[in-house]
Amino acid sequence: MSLQTHLSQLARKHEALEREIQDAIHRPSSSDQQIAELKRRKLLLKDEMNRLQGQSTLH
């Protein structure tokens, strides 16, 4: 898998998590803990994307 393909997949997952977070925020049955976990996962994806983009600029 190419780096660009991997970054695209991570970006799609990041966007999906953003939609899931927004849905959870507007759903009364969602707990703060659930929302925080979704945000943590989204941040990890963003960190991974930034790391990979940084590596690609070094080459």
PDB file of N, CA and C in Angstrom:
ATOM      1  N   MET A   1       0.844  -1.174   0.000  1.00  0.00           N
ATOM      2  CA  MET A   1       0.000   0.000   0.000  1.00  0.00           C
ATOM      3  C   MET A   1       0.889   1.237   0.000  1.00  0.00           C
ATOM      4  N   SER A   2       0.569   2.159  -0.866  1.00  0.00           N
ATOM      5  CA  SER A   2       1.376   3.374  -0.939  1.00  0.00           C
ATOM      6  C   SER A   2       1.071   4.282   0.255  1.00  0.00           C
ATOM      7  N   LEU A   3       1.983   5.177   0.517  1.00  0.00           N
ATOM      8  CA  LEU A   3       1.821   6.122   1.619  1.00  0.00           C
ATOM      9  C   LEU A   3       0.584   6.985   1.404  1.00  0.00           C
ATOM     10  N   GLN A   4       0.380   7.447   0.179  1.00  0.00           N
ATOM     11  CA  GLN A   4      -0.777   8.296  -0.113  1.00  0.00           C
ATOM     12  C   GLN A   4      -2.085   7.545   0.099  1.00  0.00           C
ATOM     13  N   THR A   5      -2.126   6.276  -0.276  1.00  0.00           N
ATOM     14  CA  THR A   5      -3.318   5.461  -0.063  1.00  0.00           C
ATOM     15  C   THR A   5      -3.589   5.301   1.421  1.00  0.00           C
ATOM     16  N   HIS A   6      -2.545   5.039   2.178  1.00  0.00           N
ATOM     17  CA  HIS A   6      -2.677   4.876   3.625  1.00  0.00           C
ATOM     18  C   HIS A   6      -3.178   6.178   4.263  1.00  0.00           C
ATOM     19  N   LEU A   7      -2.617   7.301   3.848  1.00  0.00           N
ATOM     20  CA  LEU A   7      -3.058   8.598   4.373  1.00  0.00           C
ATOM     21  C   LEU A   7      -4.527   8.852   4.024  1.00  0.00           C
ATOM     22  N   SER A   8      -4.937   8.482   2.837  1.00  0.00           N
ATOM     23  CA  SER A   8      -6.337   8.662   2.426  1.00  0.00           C
ATOM     24  C   SER A   8      -7.270   7.825   3.282  1.00  0.00           C
ATOM     25  N   GLN A   9      -6.858   6.609   3.572  1.00  0.00           N
ATOM     26  CA  GLN A   9      -7.671   5.746   4.433  1.00  0.00           C
ATOM     27  C   GLN A   9      -7.770   6.314   5.842  1.00  0.00           C
ATOM     28  N   LEU A  10      -6.665   6.810   6.362  1.00  0.00           N
ATOM     29  CA  LEU A  10      -6.677   7.416   7.692  1.00  0.00           C
ATOM     30  C   LEU A  10      -7.567   8.653   7.708  1.00  0.00           C
ATOM     31  N   ALA A  11      -7.527   9.446   6.644  1.00  0.00           N
ATOM     32  CA  ALA A  11      -8.358  10.648   6.560  1.00  0.00           C
ATOM     33  C   ALA A  11      -9.838  10.276   6.548  1.00  0.00           C
ATOM     34  N   ARG A  12     -10.194   9.208   5.831  1.00  0.00           N
ATOM     35  CA  ARG A  12     -11.591   8.768   5.810  1.00  0.00           C
ATOM     36  C   ARG A  12     -12.034   8.301   7.192  1.00  0.00           C
ATOM     37  N   LYS A  13     -11.175   7.573   7.888  1.00  0.00           N
ATOM     38  CA  LYS A  13     -11.498   7.128   9.249  1.00  0.00           C
ATOM     39  C   LYS A  13     -11.650   8.329  10.179  1.00  0.00           C
ATOM     40  N   HIS A  14     -10.791   9.325  10.002  1.00  0.00           N
ATOM     41  CA  HIS A  14     -10.838  10.547  10.806  1.00  0.00           C
ATOM     42  C   HIS A  14     -12.177  11.261  10.598  1.00  0.00           C
ATOM     43  N   GLU A  15     -12.597  11.378   9.349  1.00  0.00           N
ATOM     44  CA  GLU A  15     -13.875  12.022   9.031  1.00  0.00           C
ATOM     45  C   GLU A  15     -15.053  11.230   9.594  1.00  0.00           C
ATOM     46  N   ALA A  16     -14.973   9.902   9.515  1.00  0.00           N
ATOM     47  CA  ALA A  16     -16.040   9.059  10.050  1.00  0.00           C
ATOM     48  C   ALA A  16     -16.146   9.227  11.566  1.00  0.00           C
ATOM     49  N   LEU A  17     -15.012   9.322  12.229  1.00  0.00           N
ATOM     50  CA  LEU A  17     -15.026   9.539  13.675  1.00  0.00           C
ATOM     51  C   LEU A  17     -15.614  10.905  14.013  1.00  0.00           C
ATOM     52  N   GLU A  18     -15.328  11.910  13.210  1.00  0.00           N
ATOM     53  CA  GLU A  18     -15.896  13.239  13.441  1.00  0.00           C
ATOM     54  C   GLU A  18     -17.422  13.180  13.356  1.00  0.00           C
ATOM     55  N   ARG A  19     -17.939  12.465  12.360  1.00  0.00           N
ATOM     56  CA  ARG A  19     -19.395  12.322  12.236  1.00  0.00           C
ATOM     57  C   ARG A  19     -19.961  11.558  13.433  1.00  0.00           C
ATOM     58  N   GLU A  20     -19.250  10.521  13.865  1.00  0.00           N
ATOM     59  CA  GLU A  20     -19.695   9.735  15.011  1.00  0.00           C
ATOM     60  C   GLU A  20     -19.705  10.582  16.288  1.00  0.00           C
ATOM     61  N   ILE A  21     -18.697  11.427  16.441  1.00  0.00           N
ATOM     62  CA  ILE A  21     -18.640  12.328  17.600  1.00  0.00           C
ATOM     63  C   ILE A  21     -19.825  13.284  17.581  1.00  0.00           C
ATOM     64  N   GLN A  22     -20.092  13.872  16.428  1.00  0.00           N
ATOM     65  CA  GLN A  22     -21.213  14.810  16.321  1.00  0.00           C
ATOM     66  C   GLN A  22     -22.541  14.113  16.622  1.00  0.00           C
ATOM     67  N   ASP A  23     -22.699  12.900  16.121  1.00  0.00           N
ATOM     68  CA  ASP A  23     -23.916  12.134  16.417  1.00  0.00           C
ATOM     69  C   ASP A  23     -24.025  11.876  17.913  1.00  0.00           C
ATOM     70  N   ALA A  24     -22.919  11.479  18.531  1.00  0.00           N
ATOM     71  CA  ALA A  24     -22.924  11.167  19.964  1.00  0.00           C
ATOM     72  C   ALA A  24     -23.232  12.400  20.801  1.00  0.00           C
ATOM     73  N   ILE A  25     -22.699  13.539  20.403  1.00  0.00           N
ATOM     74  CA  ILE A  25     -22.951  14.782  21.133  1.00  0.00           C
ATOM     75  C   ILE A  25     -24.445  15.112  21.137  1.00  0.00           C
ATOM     76  N   HIS A  26     -25.117  14.825  20.039  1.00  0.00           N
ATOM     77  CA  HIS A  26     -26.533  15.164  19.916  1.00  0.00           C
ATOM     78  C   HIS A  26     -27.459  14.039  20.378  1.00  0.00           C
ATOM     79  N   ARG A  27     -26.883  12.926  20.836  1.00  0.00           N
ATOM     80  CA  ARG A  27     -27.672  11.800  21.320  1.00  0.00           C
ATOM     81  C   ARG A  27     -27.665  11.827  22.849  1.00  0.00           C
ATOM     82  N   PRO A  28     -28.820  11.985  23.470  1.00  0.00           N
ATOM     83  CA  PRO A  28     -28.868  12.096  24.935  1.00  0.00           C
ATOM     84  C   PRO A  28     -28.310  10.867  25.667  1.00  0.00           C
ATOM     85  N   SER A  29     -28.352   9.712  25.039  1.00  0.00           N
ATOM     86  CA  SER A  29     -27.895   8.500  25.719  1.00  0.00           C
ATOM     87  C   SER A  29     -26.366   8.354  25.723  1.00  0.00           C
ATOM     88  N   SER A  30     -25.664   9.216  25.020  1.00  0.00           N
ATOM     89  CA  SER A  30     -24.200   9.142  24.987  1.00  0.00           C
ATOM     90  C   SER A  30     -23.609   9.722  26.264  1.00  0.00           C
ATOM     91  N   SER A  31     -22.613   9.018  26.789  1.00  0.00           N
ATOM     92  CA  SER A  31     -21.956   9.515  27.992  1.00  0.00           C
ATOM     93  C   SER A  31     -20.745  10.366  27.609  1.00  0.00           C
ATOM     94  N   ASP A  32     -20.315  11.179  28.549  1.00  0.00           N
ATOM     95  CA  ASP A  32     -19.117  11.984  28.322  1.00  0.00           C
ATOM     96  C   ASP A  32     -17.913  11.082  28.084  1.00  0.00           C
ATOM     97  N   GLN A  33     -17.905   9.944  28.745  1.00  0.00           N
ATOM     98  CA  GLN A  33     -16.796   8.996  28.588  1.00  0.00           C
ATOM     99  C   GLN A  33     -16.749   8.442  27.156  1.00  0.00           C
ATOM    100  N   GLN A  34     -17.907   8.118  26.596  1.00  0.00           N
ATOM    101  CA  GLN A  34     -17.960   7.622  25.219  1.00  0.00           C
ATOM    102  C   GLN A  34     -17.456   8.679  24.238  1.00  0.00           C
ATOM    103  N   ILE A  35     -17.894   9.904  24.430  1.00  0.00           N
ATOM    104  CA  ILE A  35     -17.484  10.999  23.552  1.00  0.00           C
ATOM    105  C   ILE A  35     -15.981  11.245  23.681  1.00  0.00           C
ATOM    106  N   ALA A  36     -15.472  11.209  24.908  1.00  0.00           N
ATOM    107  CA  ALA A  36     -14.041  11.412  25.126  1.00  0.00           C
ATOM    108  C   ALA A  36     -13.224  10.318  24.445  1.00  0.00           C
ATOM    109  N   GLU A  37     -13.704   9.091  24.476  1.00  0.00           N
ATOM    110  CA  GLU A  37     -12.994   7.989  23.814  1.00  0.00           C
ATOM    111  C   GLU A  37     -12.975   8.188  22.299  1.00  0.00           C
ATOM    112  N   LEU A  38     -14.078   8.615  21.736  1.00  0.00           N
ATOM    113  CA  LEU A  38     -14.121   8.885  20.292  1.00  0.00           C
ATOM    114  C   LEU A  38     -13.140   9.999  19.927  1.00  0.00           C
ATOM    115  N   LYS A  39     -13.106  11.039  20.741  1.00  0.00           N
ATOM    116  CA  LYS A  39     -12.188  12.153  20.480  1.00  0.00           C
ATOM    117  C   LYS A  39     -10.736  11.701  20.601  1.00  0.00           C
ATOM    118  N   ARG A  40     -10.461  10.821  21.563  1.00  0.00           N
ATOM    119  CA  ARG A  40      -9.103  10.303  21.738  1.00  0.00           C
ATOM    120  C   ARG A  40      -8.679   9.509  20.504  1.00  0.00           C
ATOM    121  N   ARG A  41      -9.585   8.658  19.998  1.00  0.00           N
ATOM    122  CA  ARG A  41      -9.286   7.868  18.805  1.00  0.00           C
ATOM    123  C   ARG A  41      -9.056   8.774  17.589  1.00  0.00           C
ATOM    124  N   LYS A  42      -9.864   9.832  17.492  1.00  0.00           N
ATOM    125  CA  LYS A  42      -9.713  10.784  16.388  1.00  0.00           C
ATOM    126  C   LYS A  42      -8.353  11.478  16.461  1.00  0.00           C
ATOM    127  N   LEU A  43      -7.958  11.872  17.664  1.00  0.00           N
ATOM    128  CA  LEU A  43      -6.664  12.525  17.854  1.00  0.00           C
ATOM    129  C   LEU A  43      -5.504  11.584  17.508  1.00  0.00           C
ATOM    130  N   LEU A  44      -5.619  10.325  17.879  1.00  0.00           N
ATOM    131  CA  LEU A  44      -4.577   9.351  17.538  1.00  0.00           C
ATOM    132  C   LEU A  44      -4.434   9.219  16.022  1.00  0.00           C
ATOM    133  N   LEU A  45      -5.563   9.202  15.321  1.00  0.00           N
ATOM    134  CA  LEU A  45      -5.514   9.139  13.856  1.00  0.00           C
ATOM    135  C   LEU A  45      -4.833  10.376  13.285  1.00  0.00           C
ATOM    136  N   LYS A  46      -5.180  11.536  13.813  1.00  0.00           N
ATOM    137  CA  LYS A  46      -4.580  12.791  13.336  1.00  0.00           C
ATOM    138  C   LYS A  46      -3.076  12.784  13.584  1.00  0.00           C
ATOM    139  N   ASP A  47      -2.666  12.315  14.758  1.00  0.00           N
ATOM    140  CA  ASP A  47      -1.236  12.225  15.072  1.00  0.00           C
ATOM    141  C   ASP A  47      -0.515  11.290  14.099  1.00  0.00           C
ATOM    142  N   GLU A  48      -1.141  10.163  13.793  1.00  0.00           N
ATOM    143  CA  GLU A  48      -0.548   9.210  12.852  1.00  0.00           C
ATOM    144  C   GLU A  48      -0.438   9.830  11.454  1.00  0.00           C
ATOM    145  N   MET A  49      -1.464  10.540  11.032  1.00  0.00           N
ATOM    146  CA  MET A  49      -1.427  11.197   9.725  1.00  0.00           C
ATOM    147  C   MET A  49      -0.307  12.233   9.679  1.00  0.00           C
ATOM    148  N   ASN A  50      -0.179  13.034  10.726  1.00  0.00           N
ATOM    149  CA  ASN A  50       0.885  14.040  10.774  1.00  0.00           C
ATOM    150  C   ASN A  50       2.262  13.398  10.769  1.00  0.00           C
ATOM    151  N   ARG A  51       2.398  12.304  11.494  1.00  0.00           N
ATOM    152  CA  ARG A  51       3.681  11.594  11.540  1.00  0.00           C
ATOM    153  C   ARG A  51       4.057  11.083  10.150  1.00  0.00           C
ATOM    154  N   LEU A  52       3.111  10.480   9.471  1.00  0.00           N
ATOM    155  CA  LEU A  52       3.375   9.934   8.138  1.00  0.00           C
ATOM    156  C   LEU A  52       3.669  11.054   7.134  1.00  0.00           C
ATOM    157  N   GLN A  53       2.938  12.150   7.235  1.00  0.00           N
ATOM    158  CA  GLN A  53       3.193  13.276   6.337  1.00  0.00           C
ATOM    159  C   GLN A  53       4.591  13.862   6.583  1.00  0.00           C
ATOM    160  N   GLY A  54       4.990  13.904   7.842  1.00  0.00           N
ATOM    161  CA  GLY A  54       6.330  14.388   8.180  1.00  0.00           C
ATOM    162  C   GLY A  54       7.404  13.490   7.616  1.00  0.00           C
ATOM    163  N   GLN A  55       7.185  12.197   7.665  1.00  0.00           N
ATOM    164  CA  GLN A  55       8.148  11.253   7.117  1.00  0.00           C
ATOM    165  C   GLN A  55       8.259  11.390   5.612  1.00  0.00           C
ATOM    166  N   SER A  56       7.120  11.633   4.969  1.00  0.00           N
ATOM    167  CA  SER A  56       7.151  11.718   3.502  1.00  0.00           C
ATOM    168  C   SER A  56       7.909  12.961   3.027  1.00  0.00           C
ATOM    169  N   THR A  57       7.923  14.008   3.831  1.00  0.00           N
ATOM    170  CA  THR A  57       8.652  15.216   3.440  1.00  0.00           C
ATOM    171  C   THR A  57      10.154  15.062   3.664  1.00  0.00           C
ATOM    172  N   LEU A  58      10.531  14.090   4.496  1.00  0.00           N
ATOM    173  CA  LEU A  58      11.957  13.858   4.758  1.00  0.00           C
ATOM    174  C   LEU A  58      12.617  13.091   3.633  1.00  0.00           C
ATOM    175  N   HIS A  59      11.792  12.384   2.843  1.00  0.00           N
ATOM    176  CA  HIS A  59      12.372  11.549   1.777  1.00  0.00           C
ATOM    177  C   HIS A  59      12.455  12.265   0.479  1.00  0.00           C
TER     178      HIS A  59
END
